[in-house]
Amino acid sequence: MSYAIIENGAVVNIVEWDGTTNWQPPEGTTVVQIPAGSYVGIGSTYVDGTFGDPPQPPAVP
């Protein structure tokens, strides 16, 4: 299963974890299982229980 490591409302890493093996995420972060079929990547947002797209870079003039 894939899990997102969340820090300050943003995905900072993705890990594979069985959900039961003794493992702790880094201090100051939380872990949320990524729903099957969803695209979630580093930089994606996580607000009110919902993953969102990562912020877009500014447009180049």
PDB file of N, CA and C in Angstrom:
ATOM      1  N   MET A   1       0.834  -1.176   0.000  1.00  0.00           N
ATOM      2  CA  MET A   1       0.000   0.000   0.000  1.00  0.00           C
ATOM      3  C   MET A   1       0.883   1.245   0.000  1.00  0.00           C
ATOM      4  N   SER A   2       0.435   2.272  -0.677  1.00  0.00           N
ATOM      5  CA  SER A   2       1.178   3.526  -0.733  1.00  0.00           C
ATOM      6  C   SER A   2       0.609   4.506   0.285  1.00  0.00           C
ATOM      7  N   TYR A   3       1.512   5.183   0.949  1.00  0.00           N
ATOM      8  CA  TYR A   3       1.138   6.181   1.947  1.00  0.00           C
ATOM      9  C   TYR A   3       1.876   7.476   1.652  1.00  0.00           C
ATOM     10  N   ALA A   4       1.200   8.587   1.900  1.00  0.00           N
ATOM     11  CA  ALA A   4       1.818   9.900   1.764  1.00  0.00           C
ATOM     12  C   ALA A   4       2.256  10.370   3.139  1.00  0.00           C
ATOM     13  N   ILE A   5       3.443  10.921   3.189  1.00  0.00           N
ATOM     14  CA  ILE A   5       3.906  11.569   4.410  1.00  0.00           C
ATOM     15  C   ILE A   5       3.589  13.049   4.251  1.00  0.00           C
ATOM     16  N   ILE A   6       2.797  13.562   5.193  1.00  0.00           N
ATOM     17  CA  ILE A   6       2.269  14.926   5.121  1.00  0.00           C
ATOM     18  C   ILE A   6       2.956  15.807   6.165  1.00  0.00           C
ATOM     19  N   GLU A   7       3.378  16.989   5.720  1.00  0.00           N
ATOM     20  CA  GLU A   7       3.941  17.983   6.630  1.00  0.00           C
ATOM     21  C   GLU A   7       3.392  19.349   6.228  1.00  0.00           C
ATOM     22  N   ASN A   8       2.756  20.029   7.155  1.00  0.00           N
ATOM     23  CA  ASN A   8       2.193  21.369   6.915  1.00  0.00           C
ATOM     24  C   ASN A   8       1.285  21.410   5.683  1.00  0.00           C
ATOM     25  N   GLY A   9       0.450  20.377   5.521  1.00  0.00           N
ATOM     26  CA  GLY A   9      -0.534  20.370   4.452  1.00  0.00           C
ATOM     27  C   GLY A   9      -0.011  19.998   3.079  1.00  0.00           C
ATOM     28  N   ALA A  10       1.229  19.518   3.008  1.00  0.00           N
ATOM     29  CA  ALA A  10       1.806  19.135   1.727  1.00  0.00           C
ATOM     30  C   ALA A  10       2.456  17.756   1.825  1.00  0.00           C
ATOM     31  N   VAL A  11       2.402  17.014   0.718  1.00  0.00           N
ATOM     32  CA  VAL A  11       3.045  15.704   0.649  1.00  0.00           C
ATOM     33  C   VAL A  11       4.545  15.928   0.480  1.00  0.00           C
ATOM     34  N   VAL A  12       5.330  15.374   1.419  1.00  0.00           N
ATOM     35  CA  VAL A  12       6.781  15.526   1.354  1.00  0.00           C
ATOM     36  C   VAL A  12       7.484  14.236   0.949  1.00  0.00           C
ATOM     37  N   ASN A  13       6.746  13.120   0.955  1.00  0.00           N
ATOM     38  CA  ASN A  13       7.323  11.849   0.531  1.00  0.00           C
ATOM     39  C   ASN A  13       6.202  10.837   0.350  1.00  0.00           C
ATOM     40  N   ILE A  14       6.495   9.786  -0.417  1.00  0.00           N
ATOM     41  CA  ILE A  14       5.591   8.662  -0.627  1.00  0.00           C
ATOM     42  C   ILE A  14       6.339   7.407  -0.203  1.00  0.00           C
ATOM     43  N   VAL A  15       5.683   6.540   0.570  1.00  0.00           N
ATOM     44  CA  VAL A  15       6.318   5.297   1.017  1.00  0.00           C
ATOM     45  C   VAL A  15       5.388   4.113   0.760  1.00  0.00           C
ATOM     46  N   GLU A  16       5.985   2.960   0.608  1.00  0.00           N
ATOM     47  CA  GLU A  16       5.241   1.702   0.567  1.00  0.00           C
ATOM     48  C   GLU A  16       5.329   1.106   1.965  1.00  0.00           C
ATOM     49  N   TRP A  17       4.166   0.747   2.529  1.00  0.00           N
ATOM     50  CA  TRP A  17       4.120   0.236   3.907  1.00  0.00           C
ATOM     51  C   TRP A  17       2.923  -0.689   4.013  1.00  0.00           C
ATOM     52  N   ASP A  18       3.054  -1.759   4.761  1.00  0.00           N
ATOM     53  CA  ASP A  18       1.937  -2.695   4.904  1.00  0.00           C
ATOM     54  C   ASP A  18       0.897  -2.229   5.911  1.00  0.00           C
ATOM     55  N   GLY A  19       1.175  -1.144   6.601  1.00  0.00           N
ATOM     56  CA  GLY A  19       0.219  -0.590   7.548  1.00  0.00           C
ATOM     57  C   GLY A  19       0.241  -1.250   8.911  1.00  0.00           C
ATOM     58  N   THR A  20       1.019  -2.310   9.059  1.00  0.00           N
ATOM     59  CA  THR A  20       1.049  -3.002  10.347  1.00  0.00           C
ATOM     60  C   THR A  20       2.458  -3.147  10.918  1.00  0.00           C
ATOM     61  N   THR A  21       3.460  -3.242  10.071  1.00  0.00           N
ATOM     62  CA  THR A  21       4.835  -3.353  10.542  1.00  0.00           C
ATOM     63  C   THR A  21       5.177  -2.131  11.382  1.00  0.00           C
ATOM     64  N   ASN A  22       5.945  -2.345  12.450  1.00  0.00           N
ATOM     65  CA  ASN A  22       6.315  -1.252  13.336  1.00  0.00           C
ATOM     66  C   ASN A  22       7.175  -0.248  12.574  1.00  0.00           C
ATOM     67  N   TRP A  23       6.620   0.919  12.346  1.00  0.00           N
ATOM     68  CA  TRP A  23       7.303   2.000  11.643  1.00  0.00           C
ATOM     69  C   TRP A  23       6.697   3.318  12.097  1.00  0.00           C
ATOM     70  N   GLN A  24       7.513   4.313  12.236  1.00  0.00           N
ATOM     71  CA  GLN A  24       7.045   5.640  12.631  1.00  0.00           C
ATOM     72  C   GLN A  24       7.453   6.641  11.561  1.00  0.00           C
ATOM     73  N   PRO A  25       6.551   7.530  11.166  1.00  0.00           N
ATOM     74  CA  PRO A  25       6.941   8.585  10.223  1.00  0.00           C
ATOM     75  C   PRO A  25       7.860   9.579  10.930  1.00  0.00           C
ATOM     76  N   PRO A  26       8.552  10.396  10.155  1.00  0.00           N
ATOM     77  CA  PRO A  26       9.418  11.403  10.781  1.00  0.00           C
ATOM     78  C   PRO A  26       8.619  12.314  11.720  1.00  0.00           C
ATOM     79  N   GLU A  27       9.286  12.777  12.751  1.00  0.00           N
ATOM     80  CA  GLU A  27       8.640  13.661  13.729  1.00  0.00           C
ATOM     81  C   GLU A  27       8.074  14.892  13.033  1.00  0.00           C
ATOM     82  N   GLY A  28       6.882  15.295  13.426  1.00  0.00           N
ATOM     83  CA  GLY A  28       6.235  16.473  12.870  1.00  0.00           C
ATOM     84  C   GLY A  28       5.445  16.201  11.596  1.00  0.00           C
ATOM     85  N   THR A  29       5.340  14.897  11.218  1.00  0.00           N
ATOM     86  CA  THR A  29       4.586  14.549  10.020  1.00  0.00           C
ATOM     87  C   THR A  29       3.481  13.561  10.372  1.00  0.00           C
ATOM     88  N   THR A  30       2.555  13.383   9.444  1.00  0.00           N
ATOM     89  CA  THR A  30       1.520  12.368   9.581  1.00  0.00           C
ATOM     90  C   THR A  30       1.537  11.506   8.325  1.00  0.00           C
ATOM     91  N   VAL A  31       0.904  10.343   8.417  1.00  0.00           N
ATOM     92  CA  VAL A  31       0.857   9.403   7.296  1.00  0.00           C
ATOM     93  C   VAL A  31      -0.596   9.166   6.919  1.00  0.00           C
ATOM     94  N   VAL A  32      -0.881   9.226   5.616  1.00  0.00           N
ATOM     95  CA  VAL A  32      -2.232   9.020   5.106  1.00  0.00           C
ATOM     96  C   VAL A  32      -2.153   8.039   3.944  1.00  0.00           C
ATOM     97  N   GLN A  33      -3.000   7.008   3.990  1.00  0.00           N
ATOM     98  CA  GLN A  33      -3.026   6.038   2.890  1.00  0.00           C
ATOM     99  C   GLN A  33      -3.557   6.723   1.628  1.00  0.00           C
ATOM    100  N   ILE A  34      -2.898   6.455   0.507  1.00  0.00           N
ATOM    101  CA  ILE A  34      -3.312   7.023  -0.769  1.00  0.00           C
ATOM    102  C   ILE A  34      -4.385   6.119  -1.356  1.00  0.00           C
ATOM    103  N   PRO A  35      -5.541   6.661  -1.691  1.00  0.00           N
ATOM    104  CA  PRO A  35      -6.611   5.834  -2.254  1.00  0.00           C
ATOM    105  C   PRO A  35      -6.175   5.181  -3.575  1.00  0.00           C
ATOM    106  N   ALA A  36      -6.601   3.945  -3.786  1.00  0.00           N
ATOM    107  CA  ALA A  36      -6.264   3.223  -5.012  1.00  0.00           C
ATOM    108  C   ALA A  36      -6.726   4.022  -6.219  1.00  0.00           C
ATOM    109  N   GLY A  37      -5.882   4.092  -7.232  1.00  0.00           N
ATOM    110  CA  GLY A  37      -6.232   4.781  -8.462  1.00  0.00           C
ATOM    111  C   GLY A  37      -6.047   6.285  -8.430  1.00  0.00           C
ATOM    112  N   SER A  38      -5.598   6.813  -7.300  1.00  0.00           N
ATOM    113  CA  SER A  38      -5.398   8.258  -7.180  1.00  0.00           C
ATOM    114  C   SER A  38      -3.962   8.614  -7.528  1.00  0.00           C
ATOM    115  N   TYR A  39      -3.784   9.783  -8.137  1.00  0.00           N
ATOM    116  CA  TYR A  39      -2.430  10.295  -8.342  1.00  0.00           C
ATOM    117  C   TYR A  39      -2.125  11.253  -7.206  1.00  0.00           C
ATOM    118  N   VAL A  40      -1.095  10.924  -6.455  1.00  0.00           N
ATOM    119  CA  VAL A  40      -0.607  11.790  -5.391  1.00  0.00           C
ATOM    120  C   VAL A  40       0.906  11.782  -5.511  1.00  0.00           C
ATOM    121  N   GLY A  41       1.509  12.948  -5.538  1.00  0.00           N
ATOM    122  CA  GLY A  41       2.953  13.046  -5.647  1.00  0.00           C
ATOM    123  C   GLY A  41       3.505  14.045  -4.657  1.00  0.00           C
ATOM    124  N   ILE A  42       4.812  14.072  -4.567  1.00  0.00           N
ATOM    125  CA  ILE A  42       5.466  15.038  -3.697  1.00  0.00           C
ATOM    126  C   ILE A  42       5.063  16.429  -4.162  1.00  0.00           C
ATOM    127  N   GLY A  43       4.620  17.242  -3.226  1.00  0.00           N
ATOM    128  CA  GLY A  43       4.151  18.582  -3.524  1.00  0.00           C
ATOM    129  C   GLY A  43       2.637  18.680  -3.591  1.00  0.00           C
ATOM    130  N   SER A  44       1.953  17.518  -3.696  1.00  0.00           N
ATOM    131  CA  SER A  44       0.488  17.548  -3.660  1.00  0.00           C
ATOM    132  C   SER A  44       0.050  18.105  -2.316  1.00  0.00           C
ATOM    133  N   THR A  45      -1.126  18.703  -2.295  1.00  0.00           N
ATOM    134  CA  THR A  45      -1.646  19.236  -1.045  1.00  0.00           C
ATOM    135  C   THR A  45      -2.523  18.191  -0.356  1.00  0.00           C
ATOM    136  N   TYR A  46      -2.725  18.368   0.940  1.00  0.00           N
ATOM    137  CA  TYR A  46      -3.641  17.528   1.709  1.00  0.00           C
ATOM    138  C   TYR A  46      -4.354  18.446   2.690  1.00  0.00           C
ATOM    139  N   VAL A  47      -5.629  18.742   2.372  1.00  0.00           N
ATOM    140  CA  VAL A  47      -6.409  19.687   3.176  1.00  0.00           C
ATOM    141  C   VAL A  47      -7.772  19.072   3.456  1.00  0.00           C
ATOM    142  N   ASP A  48      -8.181  19.079   4.717  1.00  0.00           N
ATOM    143  CA  ASP A  48      -9.492  18.575   5.138  1.00  0.00           C
ATOM    144  C   ASP A  48      -9.759  17.162   4.622  1.00  0.00           C
ATOM    145  N   GLY A  49      -8.732  16.306   4.661  1.00  0.00           N
ATOM    146  CA  GLY A  49      -8.895  14.910   4.274  1.00  0.00           C
ATOM    147  C   GLY A  49      -8.898  14.646   2.782  1.00  0.00           C
ATOM    148  N   THR A  50      -8.512  15.640   1.974  1.00  0.00           N
ATOM    149  CA  THR A  50      -8.535  15.489   0.525  1.00  0.00           C
ATOM    150  C   THR A  50      -7.180  15.853  -0.074  1.00  0.00           C
ATOM    151  N   PHE A  51      -6.690  14.983  -0.968  1.00  0.00           N
ATOM    152  CA  PHE A  51      -5.465  15.285  -1.691  1.00  0.00           C
ATOM    153  C   PHE A  51      -5.784  16.211  -2.854  1.00  0.00           C
ATOM    154  N   GLY A  52      -4.902  17.147  -3.118  1.00  0.00           N
ATOM    155  CA  GLY A  52      -5.058  18.064  -4.243  1.00  0.00           C
ATOM    156  C   GLY A  52      -3.799  18.083  -5.083  1.00  0.00           C
ATOM    157  N   ASP A  53      -3.878  18.764  -6.196  1.00  0.00           N
ATOM    158  CA  ASP A  53      -2.728  18.892  -7.091  1.00  0.00           C
ATOM    159  C   ASP A  53      -1.629  19.711  -6.443  1.00  0.00           C
ATOM    160  N   PRO A  54      -0.391  19.467  -6.852  1.00  0.00           N
ATOM    161  CA  PRO A  54       0.686  20.312  -6.335  1.00  0.00           C
ATOM    162  C   PRO A  54       0.535  21.725  -6.890  1.00  0.00           C
ATOM    163  N   PRO A  55       1.088  22.698  -6.185  1.00  0.00           N
ATOM    164  CA  PRO A  55       1.028  24.067  -6.691  1.00  0.00           C
ATOM    165  C   PRO A  55       1.717  24.141  -8.051  1.00  0.00           C
ATOM    166  N   GLN A  56       1.174  24.957  -8.937  1.00  0.00           N
ATOM    167  CA  GLN A  56       1.774  25.143 -10.251  1.00  0.00           C
ATOM    168  C   GLN A  56       2.868  26.202 -10.174  1.00  0.00           C
ATOM    169  N   PRO A  57       3.940  26.009 -10.953  1.00  0.00           N
ATOM    170  CA  PRO A  57       4.982  27.044 -10.949  1.00  0.00           C
ATOM    171  C   PRO A  57       4.437  28.316 -11.603  1.00  0.00           C
ATOM    172  N   PRO A  58       5.039  29.446 -11.279  1.00  0.00           N
ATOM    173  CA  PRO A  58       4.581  30.687 -11.898  1.00  0.00           C
ATOM    174  C   PRO A  58       4.819  30.646 -13.413  1.00  0.00           C
ATOM    175  N   ALA A  59       3.964  31.343 -14.137  1.00  0.00           N
ATOM    176  CA  ALA A  59       4.100  31.411 -15.593  1.00  0.00           C
ATOM    177  C   ALA A  59       5.345  32.192 -15.953  1.00  0.00           C
ATOM    178  N   VAL A  60       6.034  31.743 -16.972  1.00  0.00           N
ATOM    179  CA  VAL A  60       7.232  32.432 -17.444  1.00  0.00           C
ATOM    180  C   VAL A  60       6.797  33.451 -18.496  1.00  0.00           C
ATOM    181  N   PRO A  61       7.200  34.714 -18.301  1.00  0.00           N
ATOM    182  CA  PRO A  61       6.767  35.749 -19.259  1.00  0.00           C
ATOM    183  C   PRO A  61       7.399  35.581 -20.629  1.00  0.00           C
TER     184      PRO A  61
END
